[in-house]
Amino acid sequence: MDRSRRSDDRKKDTREKIALGGLIVKAGLRYEKRALLLGMLIDAGERARASEAERERLAAIGTKAFSDERE
C-alpha cells in the first residue's frame, strides 16, 4: 500500500509540474532563461503577498488569458 501511495504521489507531482510548465509556455516565456523565469516568479509572488490590489491585478490578467484561450 505504501509503495502504491508513493507512486500515486509522484504521478500527481509530475502532472502538477507539467501543468505549471504549460503556464510558462502559455505566457510566451518558453525560451527565457530559467534564472529570469524564477526571478520573475519570486518578484511577482512577493508583490502579490504584499498587496491585495496587485494580487487581484495579476489574477485578472491570468483570467483574461484563460478566457481568450477559449474563444
N, C-alpha and C. Protein backbone atom coordinates (compact mmCIF):
# COMPACT_ATOMS: atom_id res chain seq x y z
N MET A 1 0.82 -1.19 0.00
CA MET A 1 0.00 0.00 0.00
C MET A 1 0.86 1.26 0.00
N ASP A 2 1.88 1.29 0.85
CA ASP A 2 2.71 2.48 0.97
C ASP A 2 3.42 2.77 -0.35
N ARG A 3 3.91 1.72 -1.00
CA ARG A 3 4.61 1.88 -2.27
C ARG A 3 3.65 2.43 -3.33
N SER A 4 2.44 1.94 -3.34
CA SER A 4 1.43 2.40 -4.29
C SER A 4 1.09 3.88 -4.05
N ARG A 5 0.97 4.26 -2.79
CA ARG A 5 0.65 5.64 -2.44
C ARG A 5 1.78 6.57 -2.87
N ARG A 6 3.03 6.14 -2.66
CA ARG A 6 4.17 6.96 -3.08
C ARG A 6 4.19 7.12 -4.59
N SER A 7 3.87 6.05 -5.30
CA SER A 7 3.82 6.11 -6.75
C SER A 7 2.73 7.08 -7.20
N ASP A 8 1.57 7.01 -6.57
CA ASP A 8 0.48 7.93 -6.90
C ASP A 8 0.87 9.37 -6.60
N ASP A 9 1.56 9.58 -5.48
CA ASP A 9 2.01 10.93 -5.11
C ASP A 9 3.00 11.46 -6.14
N ARG A 10 3.92 10.61 -6.60
CA ARG A 10 4.89 11.02 -7.61
C ARG A 10 4.20 11.37 -8.93
N LYS A 11 3.22 10.57 -9.31
CA LYS A 11 2.47 10.85 -10.55
C LYS A 11 1.73 12.17 -10.43
N LYS A 12 1.10 12.40 -9.29
CA LYS A 12 0.38 13.66 -9.07
C LYS A 12 1.34 14.84 -9.15
N ASP A 13 2.50 14.70 -8.51
CA ASP A 13 3.51 15.76 -8.52
C ASP A 13 3.99 16.03 -9.95
N THR A 14 4.20 14.98 -10.71
CA THR A 14 4.65 15.13 -12.10
C THR A 14 3.61 15.85 -12.94
N ARG A 15 2.34 15.46 -12.79
CA ARG A 15 1.26 16.13 -13.55
C ARG A 15 1.18 17.61 -13.20
N GLU A 16 1.35 17.92 -11.92
CA GLU A 16 1.31 19.32 -11.48
C GLU A 16 2.46 20.12 -12.10
N LYS A 17 3.65 19.55 -12.11
CA LYS A 17 4.81 20.24 -12.68
C LYS A 17 4.64 20.45 -14.19
N ILE A 18 4.08 19.47 -14.87
CA ILE A 18 3.83 19.62 -16.31
C ILE A 18 2.83 20.74 -16.54
N ALA A 19 1.76 20.79 -15.75
CA ALA A 19 0.75 21.84 -15.89
C ALA A 19 1.37 23.22 -15.62
N LEU A 20 2.23 23.32 -14.62
CA LEU A 20 2.88 24.60 -14.32
C LEU A 20 3.82 25.01 -15.45
N GLY A 21 4.51 24.05 -16.04
CA GLY A 21 5.35 24.35 -17.19
C GLY A 21 4.53 24.86 -18.36
N GLY A 22 3.33 24.32 -18.51
CA GLY A 22 2.43 24.79 -19.56
C GLY A 22 2.06 26.25 -19.39
N LEU A 23 2.00 26.71 -18.16
CA LEU A 23 1.71 28.12 -17.92
C LEU A 23 2.85 29.01 -18.42
N ILE A 24 4.07 28.54 -18.26
CA ILE A 24 5.23 29.29 -18.77
C ILE A 24 5.13 29.41 -20.29
N VAL A 25 4.77 28.31 -20.94
CA VAL A 25 4.62 28.32 -22.39
C VAL A 25 3.49 29.25 -22.80
N LYS A 26 2.36 29.16 -22.11
CA LYS A 26 1.20 29.99 -22.43
C LYS A 26 1.52 31.47 -22.28
N ALA A 27 2.37 31.80 -21.33
CA ALA A 27 2.76 33.20 -21.10
C ALA A 27 3.76 33.69 -22.15
N GLY A 28 4.18 32.81 -23.06
CA GLY A 28 5.12 33.21 -24.10
C GLY A 28 6.56 33.28 -23.62
N LEU A 29 6.86 32.54 -22.57
CA LEU A 29 8.19 32.62 -21.96
C LEU A 29 9.01 31.34 -22.13
N ARG A 30 8.63 30.50 -23.06
CA ARG A 30 9.26 29.20 -23.25
C ARG A 30 10.78 29.28 -23.39
N TYR A 31 11.27 30.29 -24.09
CA TYR A 31 12.70 30.34 -24.41
C TYR A 31 13.51 31.26 -23.50
N GLU A 32 12.90 31.75 -22.45
CA GLU A 32 13.63 32.59 -21.49
C GLU A 32 14.52 31.72 -20.61
N LYS A 33 15.56 32.33 -20.09
CA LYS A 33 16.46 31.61 -19.18
C LYS A 33 15.74 31.28 -17.88
N ARG A 34 16.06 30.14 -17.34
CA ARG A 34 15.42 29.69 -16.09
C ARG A 34 15.61 30.68 -14.96
N ALA A 35 16.78 31.28 -14.86
CA ALA A 35 17.03 32.25 -13.78
C ALA A 35 16.10 33.45 -13.91
N LEU A 36 15.87 33.90 -15.14
CA LEU A 36 14.95 35.01 -15.35
C LEU A 36 13.54 34.61 -14.94
N LEU A 37 13.10 33.43 -15.37
CA LEU A 37 11.75 32.97 -15.01
C LEU A 37 11.59 32.89 -13.50
N LEU A 38 12.57 32.31 -12.84
CA LEU A 38 12.48 32.19 -11.38
C LEU A 38 12.46 33.56 -10.73
N GLY A 39 13.30 34.47 -11.20
CA GLY A 39 13.30 35.82 -10.66
C GLY A 39 11.96 36.51 -10.84
N MET A 40 11.37 36.35 -12.02
CA MET A 40 10.06 36.94 -12.27
C MET A 40 9.01 36.37 -11.32
N LEU A 41 9.02 35.07 -11.14
CA LEU A 41 8.04 34.44 -10.26
C LEU A 41 8.23 34.85 -8.80
N ILE A 42 9.47 34.92 -8.36
CA ILE A 42 9.75 35.36 -6.99
C ILE A 42 9.27 36.79 -6.79
N ASP A 43 9.60 37.67 -7.74
CA ASP A 43 9.19 39.07 -7.64
C ASP A 43 7.66 39.19 -7.63
N ALA A 44 7.00 38.51 -8.54
CA ALA A 44 5.54 38.58 -8.60
C ALA A 44 4.92 38.01 -7.32
N GLY A 45 5.50 36.94 -6.81
CA GLY A 45 4.99 36.36 -5.58
C GLY A 45 5.11 37.31 -4.40
N GLU A 46 6.24 37.99 -4.31
CA GLU A 46 6.43 38.96 -3.23
C GLU A 46 5.44 40.11 -3.35
N ARG A 47 5.27 40.62 -4.58
CA ARG A 47 4.33 41.72 -4.79
C ARG A 47 2.89 41.28 -4.50
N ALA A 48 2.54 40.07 -4.90
CA ALA A 48 1.17 39.58 -4.67
C ALA A 48 0.90 39.37 -3.17
N ARG A 49 1.91 38.93 -2.45
CA ARG A 49 1.72 38.75 -0.99
C ARG A 49 1.67 40.08 -0.26
N ALA A 50 2.32 41.09 -0.82
CA ALA A 50 2.39 42.39 -0.15
C ALA A 50 1.16 43.27 -0.41
N SER A 51 0.45 42.99 -1.51
CA SER A 51 -0.64 43.88 -1.89
C SER A 51 -1.81 43.09 -2.47
N GLU A 52 -2.94 43.20 -1.84
CA GLU A 52 -4.14 42.53 -2.36
C GLU A 52 -4.53 43.11 -3.71
N ALA A 53 -4.33 44.40 -3.90
CA ALA A 53 -4.64 45.02 -5.20
C ALA A 53 -3.76 44.43 -6.30
N GLU A 54 -2.48 44.23 -6.01
CA GLU A 54 -1.58 43.63 -7.00
C GLU A 54 -1.98 42.18 -7.28
N ARG A 55 -2.35 41.47 -6.25
CA ARG A 55 -2.80 40.09 -6.40
C ARG A 55 -4.02 40.03 -7.32
N GLU A 56 -4.96 40.93 -7.11
CA GLU A 56 -6.17 40.97 -7.94
C GLU A 56 -5.83 41.38 -9.37
N ARG A 57 -4.90 42.32 -9.54
CA ARG A 57 -4.49 42.76 -10.87
C ARG A 57 -3.87 41.60 -11.66
N LEU A 58 -2.97 40.87 -11.02
CA LEU A 58 -2.32 39.74 -11.67
C LEU A 58 -3.33 38.63 -11.98
N ALA A 59 -4.25 38.38 -11.05
CA ALA A 59 -5.28 37.36 -11.28
C ALA A 59 -6.16 37.74 -12.46
N ALA A 60 -6.47 39.02 -12.60
CA ALA A 60 -7.30 39.48 -13.72
C ALA A 60 -6.59 39.24 -15.05
N ILE A 61 -5.28 39.47 -15.08
CA ILE A 61 -4.50 39.22 -16.29
C ILE A 61 -4.57 37.74 -16.64
N GLY A 62 -4.38 36.89 -15.64
CA GLY A 62 -4.43 35.45 -15.87
C GLY A 62 -5.80 34.97 -16.29
N THR A 63 -6.83 35.49 -15.66
CA THR A 63 -8.21 35.12 -16.01
C THR A 63 -8.50 35.49 -17.45
N LYS A 64 -8.06 36.68 -17.87
CA LYS A 64 -8.27 37.11 -19.25
C LYS A 64 -7.54 36.18 -20.22
N ALA A 65 -6.32 35.81 -19.90
CA ALA A 65 -5.55 34.92 -20.77
C ALA A 65 -6.25 33.58 -20.93
N PHE A 66 -6.79 33.04 -19.85
CA PHE A 66 -7.52 31.77 -19.93
C PHE A 66 -8.80 31.93 -20.73
N SER A 67 -9.51 33.04 -20.56
CA SER A 67 -10.75 33.22 -21.30
C SER A 67 -10.49 33.47 -22.78
N ASP A 68 -9.38 34.14 -23.13
CA ASP A 68 -9.01 34.34 -24.52
C ASP A 68 -8.71 33.00 -25.20
N GLU A 69 -8.20 32.05 -24.42
CA GLU A 69 -7.87 30.72 -24.93
C GLU A 69 -9.13 29.98 -25.38
N ARG A 70 -10.24 30.22 -24.73
CA ARG A 70 -11.48 29.51 -25.01
C ARG A 70 -12.20 30.06 -26.23
N GLU A 71 -11.85 31.26 -26.64
CA GLU A 71 -12.56 31.91 -27.76
C GLU A 71 -12.11 31.39 -29.10
